[in-house]
Every structure is written in C-alpha cells, then in structure tokens.
Amino acid sequence: ESFALFCNAKALGKHAACLLTISDSFISHEETTAEERQSSFTNMMKIALEASI
C-alpha cells in the first residue's frame, strides 16, 4: 500500500508520507491488546498529524 502511495505521488509530482506501526514482536514475542493498539495508535496518529502542519 505504501509503495503504491509513493509511486502515485511521484507520477503526479506530489509529496507523500507513510506512518508505519508495529504491534507485535517476533523477537521478544510481546503483543499488544486491542485496547492498547487503539489508544496508542490513536495517540501516534494525532502526534503525526500535528507534526505535519
């Protein structure tokens, strides 16, 4: 999805950004609950949107 986003932006001469998250670790086997994902990802998106202005 992010690849297509950046390809389309380049083709149109526009800028693009992508925000990636990691919810579970294959190395430490830590997992986040659905509630943790919802609250932490919402906070992350708010911070990213505020930083982009």
C-alpha atoms as a PDB file:
ATOM      1  CA  GLU A   1       0.000   0.000   0.000  1.00  0.00           C
ATOM      2  CA  SER A   2       2.739   2.485   0.864  1.00  0.00           C
ATOM      3  CA  PHE A   3       4.622   1.529  -2.318  1.00  0.00           C
ATOM      4  CA  ALA A   4       1.567   2.414  -4.410  1.00  0.00           C
ATOM      5  CA  LEU A   5       1.123   5.645  -2.464  1.00  0.00           C
ATOM      6  CA  PHE A   6       4.690   6.768  -3.196  1.00  0.00           C
ATOM      7  CA  CYS A   7       4.564   5.641  -6.849  1.00  0.00           C
ATOM      8  CA  ASN A   8       1.370   7.601  -7.440  1.00  0.00           C
ATOM      9  CA  ALA A   9       2.756  10.659  -5.677  1.00  0.00           C
ATOM     10  CA  LYS A  10       5.923  10.552  -7.787  1.00  0.00           C
ATOM     11  CA  ALA A  11       3.937  10.131 -11.002  1.00  0.00           C
ATOM     12  CA  LEU A  12       1.821  13.166 -10.098  1.00  0.00           C
ATOM     13  CA  GLY A  13       4.737  15.269  -8.843  1.00  0.00           C
ATOM     14  CA  LYS A  14       3.327  15.310  -5.313  1.00  0.00           C
ATOM     15  CA  HIS A  15       4.716  14.620  -1.859  1.00  0.00           C
ATOM     16  CA  ALA A  16       3.636  11.600   0.156  1.00  0.00           C
ATOM     17  CA  ALA A  17       4.140  10.282   3.662  1.00  0.00           C
ATOM     18  CA  CYS A  18       3.620   6.958   5.337  1.00  0.00           C
ATOM     19  CA  LEU A  19       3.231   6.105   9.000  1.00  0.00           C
ATOM     20  CA  LEU A  20       4.159   2.546   9.966  1.00  0.00           C
ATOM     21  CA  THR A  21       3.430   0.803  13.247  1.00  0.00           C
ATOM     22  CA  ILE A  22       4.494  -2.400  14.912  1.00  0.00           C
ATOM     23  CA  SER A  23       2.018  -4.088  17.223  1.00  0.00           C
ATOM     24  CA  ASP A  24       3.611  -7.467  17.933  1.00  0.00           C
ATOM     25  CA  SER A  25       7.274  -8.500  18.157  1.00  0.00           C
ATOM     26  CA  PHE A  26       8.577 -11.702  16.605  1.00  0.00           C
ATOM     27  CA  ILE A  27      11.802 -11.300  18.603  1.00  0.00           C
ATOM     28  CA  SER A  28      10.538 -10.686  22.147  1.00  0.00           C
ATOM     29  CA  HIS A  29       7.077 -12.194  21.499  1.00  0.00           C
ATOM     30  CA  GLU A  30       5.463  -9.137  23.106  1.00  0.00           C
ATOM     31  CA  GLU A  31       1.917  -8.490  21.946  1.00  0.00           C
ATOM     32  CA  THR A  32      -0.377  -5.525  22.379  1.00  0.00           C
ATOM     33  CA  THR A  33      -4.016  -5.922  23.270  1.00  0.00           C
ATOM     34  CA  ALA A  34      -6.752  -4.485  21.069  1.00  0.00           C
ATOM     35  CA  GLU A  35      -7.325  -1.744  23.645  1.00  0.00           C
ATOM     36  CA  GLU A  36      -3.607  -0.860  23.769  1.00  0.00           C
ATOM     37  CA  ARG A  37      -3.448  -0.722  19.971  1.00  0.00           C
ATOM     38  CA  GLN A  38      -6.480   1.535  19.764  1.00  0.00           C
ATOM     39  CA  SER A  39      -5.275   4.041  22.355  1.00  0.00           C
ATOM     40  CA  SER A  40      -1.595   4.088  21.421  1.00  0.00           C
ATOM     41  CA  PHE A  41      -2.199   4.191  17.660  1.00  0.00           C
ATOM     42  CA  THR A  42      -4.734   6.995  18.072  1.00  0.00           C
ATOM     43  CA  ASN A  43      -2.189   8.999  20.068  1.00  0.00           C
ATOM     44  CA  MET A  44       0.503   8.230  17.487  1.00  0.00           C
ATOM     45  CA  MET A  45      -1.718   9.443  14.636  1.00  0.00           C
ATOM     46  CA  LYS A  46      -2.592  12.661  16.489  1.00  0.00           C
ATOM     47  CA  ILE A  47       1.096  13.411  17.089  1.00  0.00           C
ATOM     48  CA  ALA A  48       1.999  12.658  13.465  1.00  0.00           C
ATOM     49  CA  LEU A  49      -0.801  14.870  12.131  1.00  0.00           C
ATOM     50  CA  GLU A  50       0.169  17.730  14.445  1.00  0.00           C
ATOM     51  CA  ALA A  51       3.827  17.397  13.430  1.00  0.00           C
ATOM     52  CA  SER A  52       2.932  17.526   9.748  1.00  0.00           C
ATOM     53  CA  ILE A  53       1.414  21.001   9.913  1.00  0.00           C
END
